[in-house]
PDB file of N, CA and C in Angstrom:
ATOM      1  N   UNK A   1      28.883  52.630 112.481  1.00  0.00           N
ATOM      2  CA  UNK A   1      29.651  51.440 112.172  1.00  0.00           C
ATOM      3  C   UNK A   1      28.748  50.215 112.326  1.00  0.00           C
ATOM      4  N   UNK A   2      28.699  49.392 111.317  1.00  0.00           N
ATOM      5  CA  UNK A   2      27.914  48.158 111.372  1.00  0.00           C
ATOM      6  C   UNK A   2      28.696  47.078 112.105  1.00  0.00           C
ATOM      7  N   UNK A   3      27.982  46.313 112.898  1.00  0.00           N
ATOM      8  CA  UNK A   3      28.589  45.189 113.603  1.00  0.00           C
ATOM      9  C   UNK A   3      27.782  43.947 113.292  1.00  0.00           C
ATOM     10  N   UNK A   4      28.460  42.911 112.832  1.00  0.00           N
ATOM     11  CA  UNK A   4      27.811  41.630 112.567  1.00  0.00           C
ATOM     12  C   UNK A   4      28.445  40.607 113.488  1.00  0.00           C
ATOM     13  N   UNK A   5      27.647  40.069 114.383  1.00  0.00           N
ATOM     14  CA  UNK A   5      28.191  39.103 115.327  1.00  0.00           C
ATOM     15  C   UNK A   5      27.160  38.045 115.662  1.00  0.00           C
ATOM     16  N   UNK A   6      27.655  36.939 116.162  1.00  0.00           N
ATOM     17  CA  UNK A   6      26.816  35.850 116.638  1.00  0.00           C
ATOM     18  C   UNK A   6      27.401  35.406 117.970  1.00  0.00           C
ATOM     19  N   UNK A   7      26.552  35.359 118.982  1.00  0.00           N
ATOM     20  CA  UNK A   7      26.992  34.902 120.300  1.00  0.00           C
ATOM     21  C   UNK A   7      26.083  33.768 120.758  1.00  0.00           C
ATOM     22  N   UNK A   8      26.694  32.660 121.110  1.00  0.00           N
ATOM     23  CA  UNK A   8      25.967  31.503 121.631  1.00  0.00           C
ATOM     24  C   UNK A   8      26.356  31.371 123.096  1.00  0.00           C
ATOM     25  N   UNK A   9      25.365  31.398 123.973  1.00  0.00           N
ATOM     26  CA  UNK A   9      25.616  31.335 125.411  1.00  0.00           C
ATOM     27  C   UNK A   9      24.781  30.219 126.007  1.00  0.00           C
ATOM     28  N   UNK A  10      25.399  29.403 126.837  1.00  0.00           N
ATOM     29  CA  UNK A  10      24.631  28.385 127.539  1.00  0.00           C
ATOM     30  C   UNK A  10      25.147  28.249 128.964  1.00  0.00           C
ATOM     31  N   UNK A  11      24.291  27.729 129.835  1.00  0.00           N
ATOM     32  CA  UNK A  11      24.690  27.585 131.229  1.00  0.00           C
ATOM     33  C   UNK A  11      25.747  26.508 131.359  1.00  0.00           C
ATOM     34  N   UNK A  12      26.547  26.665 132.397  1.00  0.00           N
ATOM     35  CA  UNK A  12      27.690  25.790 132.600  1.00  0.00           C
ATOM     36  C   UNK A  12      27.890  25.649 134.107  1.00  0.00           C
ATOM     37  N   UNK A  13      28.190  24.482 134.602  1.00  0.00           N
ATOM     38  CA  UNK A  13      28.370  24.330 136.053  1.00  0.00           C
ATOM     39  C   UNK A  13      29.640  25.035 136.550  1.00  0.00           C
ATOM     40  N   UNK A  14      29.596  25.453 137.777  1.00  0.00           N
ATOM     41  CA  UNK A  14      30.756  26.066 138.405  1.00  0.00           C
ATOM     42  C   UNK A  14      31.894  25.042 138.476  1.00  0.00           C
ATOM     43  N   UNK A  15      33.111  25.492 138.260  1.00  0.00           N
ATOM     44  CA  UNK A  15      34.269  24.592 138.226  1.00  0.00           C
ATOM     45  C   UNK A  15      35.141  24.685 139.468  1.00  0.00           C
ATOM     46  N   UNK A  16      34.644  25.271 140.524  1.00  0.00           N
ATOM     47  CA  UNK A  16      35.486  25.480 141.704  1.00  0.00           C
ATOM     48  C   UNK A  16      36.133  24.188 142.180  1.00  0.00           C
ATOM     49  N   UNK A  17      35.389  23.103 142.185  1.00  0.00           N
ATOM     50  CA  UNK A  17      35.953  21.834 142.652  1.00  0.00           C
ATOM     51  C   UNK A  17      36.801  21.142 141.583  1.00  0.00           C
ATOM     52  N   UNK A  18      36.783  21.663 140.373  1.00  0.00           N
ATOM     53  CA  UNK A  18      37.558  21.076 139.276  1.00  0.00           C
ATOM     54  C   UNK A  18      38.723  21.983 138.858  1.00  0.00           C
ATOM     55  N   UNK A  19      39.140  22.879 139.755  1.00  0.00           N
ATOM     56  CA  UNK A  19      40.151  23.859 139.371  1.00  0.00           C
ATOM     57  C   UNK A  19      41.447  23.237 138.881  1.00  0.00           C
ATOM     58  N   UNK A  20      41.756  22.028 139.310  1.00  0.00           N
ATOM     59  CA  UNK A  20      42.979  21.363 138.849  1.00  0.00           C
ATOM     60  C   UNK A  20      42.875  20.931 137.386  1.00  0.00           C
ATOM     61  N   UNK A  21      41.658  20.705 136.908  1.00  0.00           N
ATOM     62  CA  UNK A  21      41.450  20.179 135.556  1.00  0.00           C
ATOM     63  C   UNK A  21      41.002  21.241 134.569  1.00  0.00           C
ATOM     64  N   UNK A  22      40.299  22.251 135.012  1.00  0.00           N
ATOM     65  CA  UNK A  22      39.833  23.371 134.193  1.00  0.00           C
ATOM     66  C   UNK A  22      39.180  22.931 132.878  1.00  0.00           C
ATOM     67  N   UNK A  23      38.092  22.174 132.939  1.00  0.00           N
ATOM     68  CA  UNK A  23      37.467  21.689 131.713  1.00  0.00           C
ATOM     69  C   UNK A  23      37.005  22.797 130.765  1.00  0.00           C
ATOM     70  N   UNK A  24      36.540  23.921 131.289  1.00  0.00           N
ATOM     71  CA  UNK A  24      36.096  24.991 130.383  1.00  0.00           C
ATOM     72  C   UNK A  24      37.271  25.594 129.626  1.00  0.00           C
ATOM     73  N   UNK A  25      38.432  25.642 130.249  1.00  0.00           N
ATOM     74  CA  UNK A  25      39.620  26.148 129.558  1.00  0.00           C
ATOM     75  C   UNK A  25      40.008  25.205 128.423  1.00  0.00           C
ATOM     76  N   UNK A  26      39.916  23.918 128.667  1.00  0.00           N
ATOM     77  CA  UNK A  26      40.192  22.918 127.628  1.00  0.00           C
ATOM     78  C   UNK A  26      39.216  23.097 126.455  1.00  0.00           C
ATOM     79  N   UNK A  27      37.925  23.222 126.773  1.00  0.00           N
ATOM     80  CA  UNK A  27      36.904  23.402 125.725  1.00  0.00           C
ATOM     81  C   UNK A  27      37.132  24.696 124.951  1.00  0.00           C
ATOM     82  N   UNK A  28      37.465  25.765 125.653  1.00  0.00           N
ATOM     83  CA  UNK A  28      37.674  27.039 124.961  1.00  0.00           C
ATOM     84  C   UNK A  28      38.879  26.967 124.022  1.00  0.00           C
ATOM     85  N   UNK A  29      39.911  26.225 124.402  1.00  0.00           N
ATOM     86  CA  UNK A  29      41.070  26.054 123.510  1.00  0.00           C
ATOM     87  C   UNK A  29      40.690  25.232 122.281  1.00  0.00           C
ATOM     88  N   UNK A  30      39.897  24.195 122.456  1.00  0.00           N
ATOM     89  CA  UNK A  30      39.474  23.384 121.305  1.00  0.00           C
ATOM     90  C   UNK A  30      38.610  24.196 120.340  1.00  0.00           C
ATOM     91  N   UNK A  31      37.646  24.914 120.881  1.00  0.00           N
ATOM     92  CA  UNK A  31      36.728  25.687 120.036  1.00  0.00           C
ATOM     93  C   UNK A  31      37.421  26.904 119.434  1.00  0.00           C
ATOM     94  N   UNK A  32      38.275  27.569 120.206  1.00  0.00           N
ATOM     95  CA  UNK A  32      38.915  28.795 119.752  1.00  0.00           C
ATOM     96  C   UNK A  32      40.223  28.609 119.007  1.00  0.00           C
ATOM     97  N   UNK A  33      40.671  27.375 118.814  1.00  0.00           N
ATOM     98  CA  UNK A  33      41.927  27.105 118.100  1.00  0.00           C
ATOM     99  C   UNK A  33      41.879  27.715 116.707  1.00  0.00           C
ATOM    100  N   UNK A  34      42.999  28.283 116.250  1.00  0.00           N
ATOM    101  CA  UNK A  34      43.034  28.978 114.958  1.00  0.00           C
ATOM    102  C   UNK A  34      43.829  28.252 113.883  1.00  0.00           C
ATOM    103  N   UNK A  35      44.379  27.096 114.187  1.00  0.00           N
ATOM    104  CA  UNK A  35      45.239  26.402 113.244  1.00  0.00           C
ATOM    105  C   UNK A  35      44.485  25.638 112.165  1.00  0.00           C
ATOM    106  N   UNK A  36      45.229  24.990 111.275  1.00  0.00           N
ATOM    107  CA  UNK A  36      44.629  24.196 110.206  1.00  0.00           C
ATOM    108  C   UNK A  36      43.726  23.109 110.791  1.00  0.00           C
ATOM    109  N   UNK A  37      42.575  22.900 110.172  1.00  0.00           N
ATOM    110  CA  UNK A  37      41.633  21.886 110.615  1.00  0.00           C
ATOM    111  C   UNK A  37      40.724  22.339 111.744  1.00  0.00           C
ATOM    112  N   UNK A  38      40.873  23.578 112.202  1.00  0.00           N
ATOM    113  CA  UNK A  38      40.045  24.073 113.303  1.00  0.00           C
ATOM    114  C   UNK A  38      38.679  24.551 112.806  1.00  0.00           C
ATOM    115  N   UNK A  39      37.784  24.757 113.761  1.00  0.00           N
ATOM    116  CA  UNK A  39      36.465  25.300 113.434  1.00  0.00           C
ATOM    117  C   UNK A  39      36.623  26.673 112.790  1.00  0.00           C
ATOM    118  N   UNK A  40      37.488  27.508 113.356  1.00  0.00           N
ATOM    119  CA  UNK A  40      37.698  28.840 112.799  1.00  0.00           C
ATOM    120  C   UNK A  40      38.256  28.781 111.384  1.00  0.00           C
ATOM    121  N   UNK A  41      39.193  27.887 111.127  1.00  0.00           N
ATOM    122  CA  UNK A  41      39.759  27.755 109.783  1.00  0.00           C
ATOM    123  C   UNK A  41      38.671  27.376 108.778  1.00  0.00           C
ATOM    124  N   UNK A  42      37.791  26.468 109.154  1.00  0.00           N
ATOM    125  CA  UNK A  42      36.687  26.077 108.266  1.00  0.00           C
ATOM    126  C   UNK A  42      35.761  27.252 107.988  1.00  0.00           C
ATOM    127  N   UNK A  43      35.365  27.958 109.037  1.00  0.00           N
ATOM    128  CA  UNK A  43      34.445  29.088 108.865  1.00  0.00           C
ATOM    129  C   UNK A  43      35.079  30.226 108.080  1.00  0.00           C
ATOM    130  N   UNK A  44      36.374  30.439 108.244  1.00  0.00           N
ATOM    131  CA  UNK A  44      37.076  31.459 107.441  1.00  0.00           C
ATOM    132  C   UNK A  44      37.175  31.040 105.984  1.00  0.00           C
ATOM    133  N   UNK A  45      37.441  29.760 105.747  1.00  0.00           N
ATOM    134  CA  UNK A  45      37.539  29.257 104.377  1.00  0.00           C
ATOM    135  C   UNK A  45      36.209  29.437 103.643  1.00  0.00           C
ATOM    136  N   UNK A  46      35.108  29.268 104.357  1.00  0.00           N
ATOM    137  CA  UNK A  46      33.787  29.481 103.770  1.00  0.00           C
ATOM    138  C   UNK A  46      33.469  30.969 103.618  1.00  0.00           C
ATOM    139  N   UNK A  47      34.289  31.816 104.252  1.00  0.00           N
ATOM    140  CA  UNK A  47      34.093  33.257 104.172  1.00  0.00           C
ATOM    141  C   UNK A  47      32.987  33.765 105.084  1.00  0.00           C
ATOM    142  N   UNK A  48      32.733  33.055 106.184  1.00  0.00           N
ATOM    143  CA  UNK A  48      31.615  33.402 107.062  1.00  0.00           C
ATOM    144  C   UNK A  48      32.013  34.207 108.284  1.00  0.00           C
ATOM    145  N   UNK A  49      33.240  34.072 108.775  1.00  0.00           N
ATOM    146  CA  UNK A  49      33.634  34.776 110.010  1.00  0.00           C
ATOM    147  C   UNK A  49      35.005  35.426 109.868  1.00  0.00           C
ATOM    148  N   UNK A  50      35.214  36.443 110.713  1.00  0.00           N
ATOM    149  CA  UNK A  50      36.528  37.076 110.845  1.00  0.00           C
ATOM    150  C   UNK A  50      37.249  36.533 112.072  1.00  0.00           C
ATOM    151  N   UNK A  51      36.489  36.300 113.164  1.00  0.00           N
ATOM    152  CA  UNK A  51      37.103  35.857 114.412  1.00  0.00           C
ATOM    153  C   UNK A  51      36.140  35.001 115.212  1.00  0.00           C
ATOM    154  N   UNK A  52      36.697  34.258 116.164  1.00  0.00           N
ATOM    155  CA  UNK A  52      35.907  33.401 117.039  1.00  0.00           C
ATOM    156  C   UNK A  52      36.594  33.343 118.391  1.00  0.00           C
ATOM    157  N   UNK A  53      35.816  33.526 119.464  1.00  0.00           N
ATOM    158  CA  UNK A  53      36.331  33.490 120.830  1.00  0.00           C
ATOM    159  C   UNK A  53      35.404  32.613 121.655  1.00  0.00           C
ATOM    160  N   UNK A  54      35.964  31.801 122.550  1.00  0.00           N
ATOM    161  CA  UNK A  54      35.144  30.941 123.405  1.00  0.00           C
ATOM    162  C   UNK A  54      35.713  30.914 124.810  1.00  0.00           C
ATOM    163  N   UNK A  55      34.817  30.830 125.794  1.00  0.00           N
ATOM    164  CA  UNK A  55      35.272  30.720 127.174  1.00  0.00           C
ATOM    165  C   UNK A  55      34.133  30.795 128.164  1.00  0.00           C
ATOM    166  N   UNK A  56      34.447  30.482 129.412  1.00  0.00           N
ATOM    167  CA  UNK A  56      33.416  30.503 130.453  1.00  0.00           C
ATOM    168  C   UNK A  56      33.484  31.801 131.235  1.00  0.00           C
ATOM    169  N   UNK A  57      32.330  32.172 131.800  1.00  0.00           N
ATOM    170  CA  UNK A  57      32.224  33.355 132.647  1.00  0.00           C
ATOM    171  C   UNK A  57      31.468  32.959 133.903  1.00  0.00           C
ATOM    172  N   UNK A  58      32.145  32.903 135.050  1.00  0.00           N
ATOM    173  CA  UNK A  58      31.430  32.590 136.289  1.00  0.00           C
ATOM    174  C   UNK A  58      30.403  33.675 136.576  1.00  0.00           C
ATOM    175  N   UNK A  59      29.245  33.274 137.098  1.00  0.00           N
ATOM    176  CA  UNK A  59      28.207  34.254 137.404  1.00  0.00           C
ATOM    177  C   UNK A  59      27.914  34.324 138.895  1.00  0.00           C
ATOM    178  N   UNK A  60      27.756  33.187 139.517  1.00  0.00           N
ATOM    179  CA  UNK A  60      27.494  33.129 140.960  1.00  0.00           C
ATOM    180  C   UNK A  60      27.847  31.718 141.437  1.00  0.00           C
ATOM    181  N   UNK A  61      27.599  31.431 142.702  1.00  0.00           N
ATOM    182  CA  UNK A  61      27.916  30.101 143.229  1.00  0.00           C
ATOM    183  C   UNK A  61      27.215  29.020 142.420  1.00  0.00           C
ATOM    184  N   UNK A  62      27.962  28.023 142.027  1.00  0.00           N
ATOM    185  CA  UNK A  62      27.453  26.847 141.320  1.00  0.00           C
ATOM    186  C   UNK A  62      26.921  27.123 139.919  1.00  0.00           C
ATOM    187  N   UNK A  63      27.243  28.262 139.327  1.00  0.00           N
ATOM    188  CA  UNK A  63      26.743  28.542 137.980  1.00  0.00           C
ATOM    189  C   UNK A  63      27.737  29.397 137.198  1.00  0.00           C
ATOM    190  N   UNK A  64      27.709  29.206 135.898  1.00  0.00           N
ATOM    191  CA  UNK A  64      28.537  29.992 134.993  1.00  0.00           C
ATOM    192  C   UNK A  64      27.871  29.977 133.627  1.00  0.00           C
ATOM    193  N   UNK A  65      28.412  30.774 132.722  1.00  0.00           N
ATOM    194  CA  UNK A  65      27.991  30.744 131.327  1.00  0.00           C
ATOM    195  C   UNK A  65      29.200  30.364 130.484  1.00  0.00           C
ATOM    196  N   UNK A  66      28.960  29.613 129.427  1.00  0.00           N
ATOM    197  CA  UNK A  66      29.998  29.343 128.437  1.00  0.00           C
ATOM    198  C   UNK A  66      29.552  30.056 127.176  1.00  0.00           C
ATOM    199  N   UNK A  67      30.420  30.910 126.637  1.00  0.00           N
ATOM    200  CA  UNK A  67      30.057  31.725 125.477  1.00  0.00           C
ATOM    201  C   UNK A  67      30.975  31.441 124.299  1.00  0.00           C
ATOM    202  N   UNK A  68      30.363  31.424 123.134  1.00  0.00           N
ATOM    203  CA  UNK A  68      31.094  31.354 121.875  1.00  0.00           C
ATOM    204  C   UNK A  68      30.673  32.582 121.090  1.00  0.00           C
ATOM    205  N   UNK A  69      31.620  33.454 120.785  1.00  0.00           N
ATOM    206  CA  UNK A  69      31.321  34.706 120.086  1.00  0.00           C
ATOM    207  C   UNK A  69      32.088  34.753 118.775  1.00  0.00           C
ATOM    208  N   UNK A  70      31.401  35.189 117.735  1.00  0.00           N
ATOM    209  CA  UNK A  70      32.044  35.327 116.427  1.00  0.00           C
ATOM    210  C   UNK A  70      31.738  36.699 115.842  1.00  0.00           C
ATOM    211  N   UNK A  71      32.660  37.192 115.049  1.00  0.00           N
ATOM    212  CA  UNK A  71      32.441  38.384 114.230  1.00  0.00           C
ATOM    213  C   UNK A  71      32.205  37.871 112.816  1.00  0.00           C
ATOM    214  N   UNK A  72      31.015  38.116 112.298  1.00  0.00           N
ATOM    215  CA  UNK A  72      30.605  37.567 111.021  1.00  0.00           C
ATOM    216  C   UNK A  72      30.967  38.477 109.853  1.00  0.00           C
ATOM    217  N   UNK A  73      31.174  37.872 108.691  1.00  0.00           N
ATOM    218  CA  UNK A  73      31.285  38.614 107.443  1.00  0.00           C
ATOM    219  C   UNK A  73      29.869  38.863 106.935  1.00  0.00           C
ATOM    220  N   UNK A  74      29.729  39.637 105.866  1.00  0.00           N
ATOM    221  CA  UNK A  74      28.398  39.851 105.278  1.00  0.00           C
ATOM    222  C   UNK A  74      27.822  38.520 104.790  1.00  0.00           C
ATOM    223  N   UNK A  75      28.657  37.678 104.185  1.00  0.00           N
ATOM    224  CA  UNK A  75      28.188  36.360 103.740  1.00  0.00           C
ATOM    225  C   UNK A  75      27.777  35.498 104.920  1.00  0.00           C
ATOM    226  N   UNK A  76      28.534  35.551 105.998  1.00  0.00           N
ATOM    227  CA  UNK A  76      28.219  34.770 107.186  1.00  0.00           C
ATOM    228  C   UNK A  76      26.893  35.182 107.814  1.00  0.00           C
ATOM    229  N   UNK A  77      26.586  36.462 107.737  1.00  0.00           N
ATOM    230  CA  UNK A  77      25.318  36.944 108.285  1.00  0.00           C
ATOM    231  C   UNK A  77      24.139  36.369 107.524  1.00  0.00           C
ATOM    232  N   UNK A  78      24.323  36.115 106.234  1.00  0.00           N
ATOM    233  CA  UNK A  78      23.245  35.579 105.412  1.00  0.00           C
ATOM    234  C   UNK A  78      23.063  34.066 105.522  1.00  0.00           C
ATOM    235  N   UNK A  79      24.029  33.357 106.083  1.00  0.00           N
ATOM    236  CA  UNK A  79      23.919  31.903 106.202  1.00  0.00           C
ATOM    237  C   UNK A  79      22.992  31.506 107.336  1.00  0.00           C
ATOM    238  N   UNK A  80      22.344  30.367 107.183  1.00  0.00           N
ATOM    239  CA  UNK A  80      21.417  29.888 108.227  1.00  0.00           C
ATOM    240  C   UNK A  80      21.847  28.532 108.712  1.00  0.00           C
TER     241      UNK A  80
END
């Protein structure tokens, strides 16, 4: 089975002291929104992706990763 995906990962500060605000959750909702005018809607309209997921992953004290993962179409794999 062929898998076409793109994952963007970058470091992100730990949110322990910001648990009331959850900024990474806010960002993941903005990036992962599926409605009209969203990033996913644009990429689907271009025929480049099937899905998009975003969110943070804590790794250790004071550090985390924020990941954006997409499942690409064949056309999306060819785009630069």
